[in-house]
Amino acid sequence: MAGIGVPELAIVLVIIVIIFGVGKLPEIGGALGKGIREFKTESTTEEKEEQERLEAGDSKTASTLTTTSNSAKDDNTVKVGGSRADEI
């Protein structure tokens, strides 16, 4: 399949210069760069927040599992002859 090569990029650049003019190109490039930078910043911020939420959820889940496990251990004891013995 055909990819975008140097000749195609040159044609696109010529069309952009014709449409916007040489004076507007730095302004357009700056706005495009600023937009890309903001997008990257926001996406990494979202990733960090999601990771923090997952880590907080994991510790909460681990705490719940520990509590449930301890509760289950208490439920698995049986009184034998008036004393408590652990089941196997």
PDB file of N, CA and C in Angstrom:
ATOM      1  N   MET A   1       0.832  -1.184   0.000  1.00  0.00           N
ATOM      2  CA  MET A   1       0.000   0.000   0.000  1.00  0.00           C
ATOM      3  C   MET A   1       0.879   1.251   0.000  1.00  0.00           C
ATOM      4  N   ALA A   2       0.321   2.303  -0.486  1.00  0.00           N
ATOM      5  CA  ALA A   2       1.064   3.554  -0.589  1.00  0.00           C
ATOM      6  C   ALA A   2       1.040   4.283   0.750  1.00  0.00           C
ATOM      7  N   GLY A   3       2.207   4.761   1.171  1.00  0.00           N
ATOM      8  CA  GLY A   3       2.327   5.536   2.400  1.00  0.00           C
ATOM      9  C   GLY A   3       2.510   6.998   2.047  1.00  0.00           C
ATOM     10  N   ILE A   4       2.630   7.808   3.054  1.00  0.00           N
ATOM     11  CA  ILE A   4       2.867   9.231   2.827  1.00  0.00           C
ATOM     12  C   ILE A   4       4.368   9.433   2.799  1.00  0.00           C
ATOM     13  N   GLY A   5       4.854   9.882   1.673  1.00  0.00           N
ATOM     14  CA  GLY A   5       6.283  10.115   1.501  1.00  0.00           C
ATOM     15  C   GLY A   5       6.581  11.597   1.403  1.00  0.00           C
ATOM     16  N   VAL A   6       7.804  11.902   1.022  1.00  0.00           N
ATOM     17  CA  VAL A   6       8.255  13.290   0.906  1.00  0.00           C
ATOM     18  C   VAL A   6       7.471  14.053  -0.166  1.00  0.00           C
ATOM     19  N   PRO A   7       7.231  13.477  -1.343  1.00  0.00           N
ATOM     20  CA  PRO A   7       6.474  14.235  -2.349  1.00  0.00           C
ATOM     21  C   PRO A   7       5.058  14.594  -1.885  1.00  0.00           C
ATOM     22  N   GLU A   8       4.415  13.665  -1.208  1.00  0.00           N
ATOM     23  CA  GLU A   8       3.061  13.945  -0.725  1.00  0.00           C
ATOM     24  C   GLU A   8       3.065  15.042   0.334  1.00  0.00           C
ATOM     25  N   LEU A   9       4.047  14.981   1.248  1.00  0.00           N
ATOM     26  CA  LEU A   9       4.151  16.017   2.277  1.00  0.00           C
ATOM     27  C   LEU A   9       4.444  17.387   1.669  1.00  0.00           C
ATOM     28  N   ALA A  10       5.266  17.419   0.622  1.00  0.00           N
ATOM     29  CA  ALA A  10       5.575  18.683  -0.057  1.00  0.00           C
ATOM     30  C   ALA A  10       4.316  19.271  -0.681  1.00  0.00           C
ATOM     31  N   ILE A  11       3.505  18.431  -1.288  1.00  0.00           N
ATOM     32  CA  ILE A  11       2.253  18.909  -1.905  1.00  0.00           C
ATOM     33  C   ILE A  11       1.319  19.460  -0.832  1.00  0.00           C
ATOM     34  N   VAL A  12       1.202  18.763   0.294  1.00  0.00           N
ATOM     35  CA  VAL A  12       0.349  19.234   1.385  1.00  0.00           C
ATOM     36  C   VAL A  12       0.861  20.567   1.915  1.00  0.00           C
ATOM     37  N   LEU A  13       2.177  20.712   2.072  1.00  0.00           N
ATOM     38  CA  LEU A  13       2.763  21.958   2.553  1.00  0.00           C
ATOM     39  C   LEU A  13       2.478  23.115   1.593  1.00  0.00           C
ATOM     40  N   VAL A  14       2.604  22.871   0.293  1.00  0.00           N
ATOM     41  CA  VAL A  14       2.313  23.910  -0.705  1.00  0.00           C
ATOM     42  C   VAL A  14       0.852  24.331  -0.618  1.00  0.00           C
ATOM     43  N   ILE A  15      -0.049  23.377  -0.463  1.00  0.00           N
ATOM     44  CA  ILE A  15      -1.479  23.705  -0.362  1.00  0.00           C
ATOM     45  C   ILE A  15      -1.748  24.526   0.899  1.00  0.00           C
ATOM     46  N   ILE A  16      -1.103  24.172   2.009  1.00  0.00           N
ATOM     47  CA  ILE A  16      -1.283  24.925   3.257  1.00  0.00           C
ATOM     48  C   ILE A  16      -0.770  26.352   3.105  1.00  0.00           C
ATOM     49  N   VAL A  17       0.376  26.525   2.451  1.00  0.00           N
ATOM     50  CA  VAL A  17       0.927  27.869   2.226  1.00  0.00           C
ATOM     51  C   VAL A  17      -0.018  28.682   1.352  1.00  0.00           C
ATOM     52  N   ILE A  18      -0.593  28.057   0.338  1.00  0.00           N
ATOM     53  CA  ILE A  18      -1.526  28.772  -0.545  1.00  0.00           C
ATOM     54  C   ILE A  18      -2.770  29.196   0.230  1.00  0.00           C
ATOM     55  N   ILE A  19      -3.294  28.309   1.072  1.00  0.00           N
ATOM     56  CA  ILE A  19      -4.534  28.609   1.794  1.00  0.00           C
ATOM     57  C   ILE A  19      -4.311  29.651   2.887  1.00  0.00           C
ATOM     58  N   PHE A  20      -3.300  29.464   3.734  1.00  0.00           N
ATOM     59  CA  PHE A  20      -3.118  30.329   4.897  1.00  0.00           C
ATOM     60  C   PHE A  20      -2.116  31.450   4.689  1.00  0.00           C
ATOM     61  N   GLY A  21      -1.214  31.315   3.775  1.00  0.00           N
ATOM     62  CA  GLY A  21      -0.189  32.326   3.568  1.00  0.00           C
ATOM     63  C   GLY A  21       1.005  32.086   4.476  1.00  0.00           C
ATOM     64  N   VAL A  22       2.135  32.654   4.089  1.00  0.00           N
ATOM     65  CA  VAL A  22       3.385  32.445   4.813  1.00  0.00           C
ATOM     66  C   VAL A  22       3.333  33.094   6.195  1.00  0.00           C
ATOM     67  N   GLY A  23       2.646  34.200   6.339  1.00  0.00           N
ATOM     68  CA  GLY A  23       2.598  34.927   7.612  1.00  0.00           C
ATOM     69  C   GLY A  23       1.871  34.167   8.715  1.00  0.00           C
ATOM     70  N   LYS A  24       0.892  33.376   8.359  1.00  0.00           N
ATOM     71  CA  LYS A  24       0.094  32.653   9.355  1.00  0.00           C
ATOM     72  C   LYS A  24       0.719  31.325   9.783  1.00  0.00           C
ATOM     73  N   LEU A  25       1.679  30.800   9.034  1.00  0.00           N
ATOM     74  CA  LEU A  25       2.249  29.484   9.343  1.00  0.00           C
ATOM     75  C   LEU A  25       2.855  29.386  10.745  1.00  0.00           C
ATOM     76  N   PRO A  26       3.659  30.360  11.209  1.00  0.00           N
ATOM     77  CA  PRO A  26       4.198  30.251  12.576  1.00  0.00           C
ATOM     78  C   PRO A  26       3.095  30.264  13.638  1.00  0.00           C
ATOM     79  N   GLU A  27       2.068  31.063  13.400  1.00  0.00           N
ATOM     80  CA  GLU A  27       0.950  31.133  14.341  1.00  0.00           C
ATOM     81  C   GLU A  27       0.198  29.799  14.397  1.00  0.00           C
ATOM     82  N   ILE A  28      -0.028  29.206  13.244  1.00  0.00           N
ATOM     83  CA  ILE A  28      -0.712  27.911  13.176  1.00  0.00           C
ATOM     84  C   ILE A  28       0.145  26.822  13.823  1.00  0.00           C
ATOM     85  N   GLY A  29       1.436  26.837  13.539  1.00  0.00           N
ATOM     86  CA  GLY A  29       2.344  25.855  14.135  1.00  0.00           C
ATOM     87  C   GLY A  29       2.400  25.972  15.649  1.00  0.00           C
ATOM     88  N   GLY A  30       2.435  27.210  16.144  1.00  0.00           N
ATOM     89  CA  GLY A  30       2.453  27.426  17.593  1.00  0.00           C
ATOM     90  C   GLY A  30       1.173  26.937  18.254  1.00  0.00           C
ATOM     91  N   ALA A  31       0.043  27.235  17.635  1.00  0.00           N
ATOM     92  CA  ALA A  31      -1.235  26.782  18.185  1.00  0.00           C
ATOM     93  C   ALA A  31      -1.332  25.258  18.159  1.00  0.00           C
ATOM     94  N   LEU A  32      -0.845  24.656  17.092  1.00  0.00           N
ATOM     95  CA  LEU A  32      -0.859  23.200  16.978  1.00  0.00           C
ATOM     96  C   LEU A  32       0.046  22.569  18.044  1.00  0.00           C
ATOM     97  N   GLY A  33       1.230  23.130  18.225  1.00  0.00           N
ATOM     98  CA  GLY A  33       2.152  22.628  19.244  1.00  0.00           C
ATOM     99  C   GLY A  33       1.586  22.767  20.648  1.00  0.00           C
ATOM    100  N   LYS A  34       0.949  23.903  20.922  1.00  0.00           N
ATOM    101  CA  LYS A  34       0.344  24.132  22.229  1.00  0.00           C
ATOM    102  C   LYS A  34      -0.781  23.131  22.480  1.00  0.00           C
ATOM    103  N   GLY A  35      -1.573  22.876  21.473  1.00  0.00           N
ATOM    104  CA  GLY A  35      -2.663  21.908  21.607  1.00  0.00           C
ATOM    105  C   GLY A  35      -2.156  20.507  21.883  1.00  0.00           C
ATOM    106  N   ILE A  36      -1.107  20.107  21.176  1.00  0.00           N
ATOM    107  CA  ILE A  36      -0.524  18.778  21.385  1.00  0.00           C
ATOM    108  C   ILE A  36       0.061  18.672  22.792  1.00  0.00           C
ATOM    109  N   ARG A  37       0.749  19.716  23.234  1.00  0.00           N
ATOM    110  CA  ARG A  37       1.339  19.729  24.577  1.00  0.00           C
ATOM    111  C   ARG A  37       0.265  19.610  25.653  1.00  0.00           C
ATOM    112  N   GLU A  38      -0.822  20.377  25.519  1.00  0.00           N
ATOM    113  CA  GLU A  38      -1.912  20.314  26.493  1.00  0.00           C
ATOM    114  C   GLU A  38      -2.563  18.935  26.498  1.00  0.00           C
ATOM    115  N   PHE A  39      -2.720  18.350  25.327  1.00  0.00           N
ATOM    116  CA  PHE A  39      -3.308  17.017  25.233  1.00  0.00           C
ATOM    117  C   PHE A  39      -2.451  15.993  25.969  1.00  0.00           C
ATOM    118  N   LYS A  40      -1.138  16.047  25.754  1.00  0.00           N
ATOM    119  CA  LYS A  40      -0.234  15.108  26.427  1.00  0.00           C
ATOM    120  C   LYS A  40      -0.267  15.307  27.939  1.00  0.00           C
ATOM    121  N   THR A  41      -0.281  16.570  28.378  1.00  0.00           N
ATOM    122  CA  THR A  41      -0.313  16.863  29.809  1.00  0.00           C
ATOM    123  C   THR A  41      -1.584  16.318  30.443  1.00  0.00           C
ATOM    124  N   GLU A  42      -2.718  16.561  29.810  1.00  0.00           N
ATOM    125  CA  GLU A  42      -3.991  16.084  30.346  1.00  0.00           C
ATOM    126  C   GLU A  42      -4.071  14.567  30.353  1.00  0.00           C
ATOM    127  N   SER A  43      -3.556  13.935  29.304  1.00  0.00           N
ATOM    128  CA  SER A  43      -3.631  12.472  29.252  1.00  0.00           C
ATOM    129  C   SER A  43      -2.745  11.842  30.323  1.00  0.00           C
ATOM    130  N   THR A  44      -1.562  12.402  30.580  1.00  0.00           N
ATOM    131  CA  THR A  44      -0.714  11.848  31.639  1.00  0.00           C
ATOM    132  C   THR A  44      -1.313  12.130  33.015  1.00  0.00           C
ATOM    133  N   THR A  45      -1.961  13.285  33.177  1.00  0.00           N
ATOM    134  CA  THR A  45      -2.624  13.598  34.439  1.00  0.00           C
ATOM    135  C   THR A  45      -3.751  12.610  34.695  1.00  0.00           C
ATOM    136  N   GLU A  46      -4.536  12.319  33.674  1.00  0.00           N
ATOM    137  CA  GLU A  46      -5.628  11.354  33.804  1.00  0.00           C
ATOM    138  C   GLU A  46      -5.092   9.972  34.135  1.00  0.00           C
ATOM    139  N   GLU A  47      -3.987   9.581  33.501  1.00  0.00           N
ATOM    140  CA  GLU A  47      -3.398   8.270  33.773  1.00  0.00           C
ATOM    141  C   GLU A  47      -2.931   8.178  35.224  1.00  0.00           C
ATOM    142  N   LYS A  48      -2.303   9.247  35.731  1.00  0.00           N
ATOM    143  CA  LYS A  48      -1.836   9.254  37.120  1.00  0.00           C
ATOM    144  C   LYS A  48      -3.013   9.171  38.087  1.00  0.00           C
ATOM    145  N   GLU A  49      -4.075   9.936  37.814  1.00  0.00           N
ATOM    146  CA  GLU A  49      -5.246   9.907  38.682  1.00  0.00           C
ATOM    147  C   GLU A  49      -5.893   8.528  38.669  1.00  0.00           C
ATOM    148  N   GLU A  50      -5.978   7.905  37.504  1.00  0.00           N
ATOM    149  CA  GLU A  50      -6.548   6.566  37.394  1.00  0.00           C
ATOM    150  C   GLU A  50      -5.704   5.563  38.166  1.00  0.00           C
ATOM    151  N   GLN A  51      -4.379   5.683  38.066  1.00  0.00           N
ATOM    152  CA  GLN A  51      -3.485   4.784  38.798  1.00  0.00           C
ATOM    153  C   GLN A  51      -3.660   4.963  40.300  1.00  0.00           C
ATOM    154  N   GLU A  52      -3.793   6.215  40.759  1.00  0.00           N
ATOM    155  CA  GLU A  52      -3.995   6.475  42.184  1.00  0.00           C
ATOM    156  C   GLU A  52      -5.318   5.888  42.656  1.00  0.00           C
ATOM    157  N   ARG A  53      -6.367   6.026  41.827  1.00  0.00           N
ATOM    158  CA  ARG A  53      -7.660   5.442  42.177  1.00  0.00           C
ATOM    159  C   ARG A  53      -7.565   3.927  42.270  1.00  0.00           C
ATOM    160  N   LEU A  54      -6.852   3.321  41.336  1.00  0.00           N
ATOM    161  CA  LEU A  54      -6.694   1.870  41.362  1.00  0.00           C
ATOM    162  C   LEU A  54      -5.915   1.427  42.594  1.00  0.00           C
ATOM    163  N   GLU A  55      -4.840   2.143  42.916  1.00  0.00           N
ATOM    164  CA  GLU A  55      -4.048   1.791  44.094  1.00  0.00           C
ATOM    165  C   GLU A  55      -4.868   1.961  45.367  1.00  0.00           C
ATOM    166  N   ALA A  56      -5.648   3.028  45.449  1.00  0.00           N
ATOM    167  CA  ALA A  56      -6.501   3.238  46.621  1.00  0.00           C
ATOM    168  C   ALA A  56      -7.557   2.142  46.694  1.00  0.00           C
ATOM    169  N   GLY A  57      -8.103   1.767  45.569  1.00  0.00           N
ATOM    170  CA  GLY A  57      -9.088   0.689  45.522  1.00  0.00           C
ATOM    171  C   GLY A  57      -8.468  -0.638  45.895  1.00  0.00           C
ATOM    172  N   ASP A  58      -7.219  -0.873  45.469  1.00  0.00           N
ATOM    173  CA  ASP A  58      -6.534  -2.121  45.794  1.00  0.00           C
ATOM    174  C   ASP A  58      -6.305  -2.240  47.293  1.00  0.00           C
ATOM    175  N   SER A  59      -5.891  -1.156  47.944  1.00  0.00           N
ATOM    176  CA  SER A  59      -5.648  -1.230  49.384  1.00  0.00           C
ATOM    177  C   SER A  59      -6.962  -1.424  50.129  1.00  0.00           C
ATOM    178  N   LYS A  60      -8.021  -0.810  49.640  1.00  0.00           N
ATOM    179  CA  LYS A  60      -9.332  -0.983  50.259  1.00  0.00           C
ATOM    180  C   LYS A  60      -9.799  -2.423  50.076  1.00  0.00           C
ATOM    181  N   THR A  61      -9.585  -2.962  48.885  1.00  0.00           N
ATOM    182  CA  THR A  61      -9.955  -4.345  48.611  1.00  0.00           C
ATOM    183  C   THR A  61      -9.139  -5.295  49.475  1.00  0.00           C
ATOM    184  N   ALA A  62      -7.847  -5.038  49.611  1.00  0.00           N
ATOM    185  CA  ALA A  62      -6.990  -5.883  50.439  1.00  0.00           C
ATOM    186  C   ALA A  62      -7.453  -5.851  51.892  1.00  0.00           C
ATOM    187  N   SER A  63      -7.836  -4.686  52.379  1.00  0.00           N
ATOM    188  CA  SER A  63      -8.329  -4.562  53.744  1.00  0.00           C
ATOM    189  C   SER A  63      -9.618  -5.355  53.920  1.00  0.00           C
ATOM    190  N   THR A  64     -10.509  -5.271  52.947  1.00  0.00           N
ATOM    191  CA  THR A  64     -11.763  -6.018  52.994  1.00  0.00           C
ATOM    192  C   THR A  64     -11.501  -7.515  52.976  1.00  0.00           C
ATOM    193  N   LEU A  65     -10.569  -7.948  52.134  1.00  0.00           N
ATOM    194  CA  LEU A  65     -10.238  -9.369  52.068  1.00  0.00           C
ATOM    195  C   LEU A  65      -9.655  -9.863  53.385  1.00  0.00           C
ATOM    196  N   THR A  66      -8.807  -9.065  54.015  1.00  0.00           N
ATOM    197  CA  THR A  66      -8.221  -9.453  55.297  1.00  0.00           C
ATOM    198  C   THR A  66      -9.304  -9.583  56.358  1.00  0.00           C
ATOM    199  N   THR A  67     -10.212  -8.620  56.405  1.00  0.00           N
ATOM    200  CA  THR A  67     -11.307  -8.663  57.371  1.00  0.00           C
ATOM    201  C   THR A  67     -12.185  -9.880  57.131  1.00  0.00           C
ATOM    202  N   THR A  68     -12.515 -10.144  55.879  1.00  0.00           N
ATOM    203  CA  THR A  68     -13.342 -11.296  55.533  1.00  0.00           C
ATOM    204  C   THR A  68     -12.631 -12.594  55.878  1.00  0.00           C
ATOM    205  N   SER A  69     -11.344 -12.650  55.601  1.00  0.00           N
ATOM    206  CA  SER A  69     -10.557 -13.844  55.907  1.00  0.00           C
ATOM    207  C   SER A  69     -10.527 -14.104  57.411  1.00  0.00           C
ATOM    208  N   ASN A  70     -10.307 -13.064  58.191  1.00  0.00           N
ATOM    209  CA  ASN A  70     -10.294 -13.221  59.650  1.00  0.00           C
ATOM    210  C   ASN A  70     -11.659 -13.659  60.163  1.00  0.00           C
ATOM    211  N   SER A  71     -12.707 -13.110  59.593  1.00  0.00           N
ATOM    212  CA  SER A  71     -14.060 -13.492  59.978  1.00  0.00           C
ATOM    213  C   SER A  71     -14.324 -14.953  59.642  1.00  0.00           C
ATOM    214  N   ALA A  72     -13.861 -15.394  58.486  1.00  0.00           N
ATOM    215  CA  ALA A  72     -14.051 -16.786  58.077  1.00  0.00           C
ATOM    216  C   ALA A  72     -13.278 -17.725  58.991  1.00  0.00           C
ATOM    217  N   LYS A  73     -12.097 -17.324  59.415  1.00  0.00           N
ATOM    218  CA  LYS A  73     -11.320 -18.158  60.339  1.00  0.00           C
ATOM    219  C   LYS A  73     -12.059 -18.324  61.659  1.00  0.00           C
ATOM    220  N   ASP A  74     -12.665 -17.236  62.137  1.00  0.00           N
ATOM    221  CA  ASP A  74     -13.419 -17.309  63.385  1.00  0.00           C
ATOM    222  C   ASP A  74     -14.628 -18.224  63.245  1.00  0.00           C
ATOM    223  N   ASP A  75     -15.252 -18.236  62.073  1.00  0.00           N
ATOM    224  CA  ASP A  75     -16.425 -19.075  61.835  1.00  0.00           C
ATOM    225  C   ASP A  75     -16.064 -20.547  61.704  1.00  0.00           C
ATOM    226  N   ASN A  76     -14.818 -20.876  61.418  1.00  0.00           N
ATOM    227  CA  ASN A  76     -14.403 -22.260  61.203  1.00  0.00           C
ATOM    228  C   ASN A  76     -13.864 -22.928  62.463  1.00  0.00           C
ATOM    229  N   THR A  77     -14.200 -22.402  63.609  1.00  0.00           N
ATOM    230  CA  THR A  77     -13.788 -23.048  64.852  1.00  0.00           C
ATOM    231  C   THR A  77     -14.994 -23.758  65.455  1.00  0.00           C
ATOM    232  N   VAL A  78     -14.737 -24.866  66.108  1.00  0.00           N
ATOM    233  CA  VAL A  78     -15.805 -25.690  66.676  1.00  0.00           C
ATOM    234  C   VAL A  78     -15.478 -25.966  68.137  1.00  0.00           C
ATOM    235  N   LYS A  79     -16.494 -25.970  68.950  1.00  0.00           N
ATOM    236  CA  LYS A  79     -16.288 -26.303  70.359  1.00  0.00           C
ATOM    237  C   LYS A  79     -16.218 -27.820  70.492  1.00  0.00           C
ATOM    238  N   VAL A  80     -15.159 -28.289  71.098  1.00  0.00           N
ATOM    239  CA  VAL A  80     -14.986 -29.718  71.333  1.00  0.00           C
ATOM    240  C   VAL A  80     -14.768 -29.913  72.830  1.00  0.00           C
ATOM    241  N   GLY A  81     -15.710 -30.552  73.470  1.00  0.00           N
ATOM    242  CA  GLY A  81     -15.587 -30.814  74.902  1.00  0.00           C
ATOM    243  C   GLY A  81     -15.449 -29.545  75.723  1.00  0.00           C
ATOM    244  N   GLY A  82     -16.145 -28.497  75.352  1.00  0.00           N
ATOM    245  CA  GLY A  82     -16.122 -27.259  76.113  1.00  0.00           C
ATOM    246  C   GLY A  82     -14.984 -26.324  75.735  1.00  0.00           C
ATOM    247  N   SER A  83     -14.050 -26.760  74.877  1.00  0.00           N
ATOM    248  CA  SER A  83     -12.977 -25.868  74.429  1.00  0.00           C
ATOM    249  C   SER A  83     -13.065 -25.710  72.914  1.00  0.00           C
ATOM    250  N   ARG A  84     -12.427 -24.685  72.396  1.00  0.00           N
ATOM    251  CA  ARG A  84     -12.476 -24.430  70.949  1.00  0.00           C
ATOM    252  C   ARG A  84     -11.284 -25.090  70.290  1.00  0.00           C
ATOM    253  N   ALA A  85     -11.553 -25.747  69.170  1.00  0.00           N
ATOM    254  CA  ALA A  85     -10.477 -26.363  68.388  1.00  0.00           C
ATOM    255  C   ALA A  85     -10.651 -25.949  66.940  1.00  0.00           C
ATOM    256  N   ASP A  86      -9.559 -25.658  66.237  1.00  0.00           N
ATOM    257  CA  ASP A  86      -9.630 -25.256  64.827  1.00  0.00           C
ATOM    258  C   ASP A  86      -9.938 -26.457  63.956  1.00  0.00           C
ATOM    259  N   GLU A  87     -10.786 -26.247  62.966  1.00  0.00           N
ATOM    260  CA  GLU A  87     -11.068 -27.294  61.983  1.00  0.00           C
ATOM    261  C   GLU A  87      -9.973 -27.340  60.951  1.00  0.00           C
ATOM    262  N   ILE A  88      -9.846 -28.457  60.335  1.00  0.00           N
ATOM    263  CA  ILE A  88      -8.851 -28.586  59.268  1.00  0.00           C
ATOM    264  C   ILE A  88      -9.554 -28.505  57.950  1.00  0.00           C
TER     265      ILE A  88
END
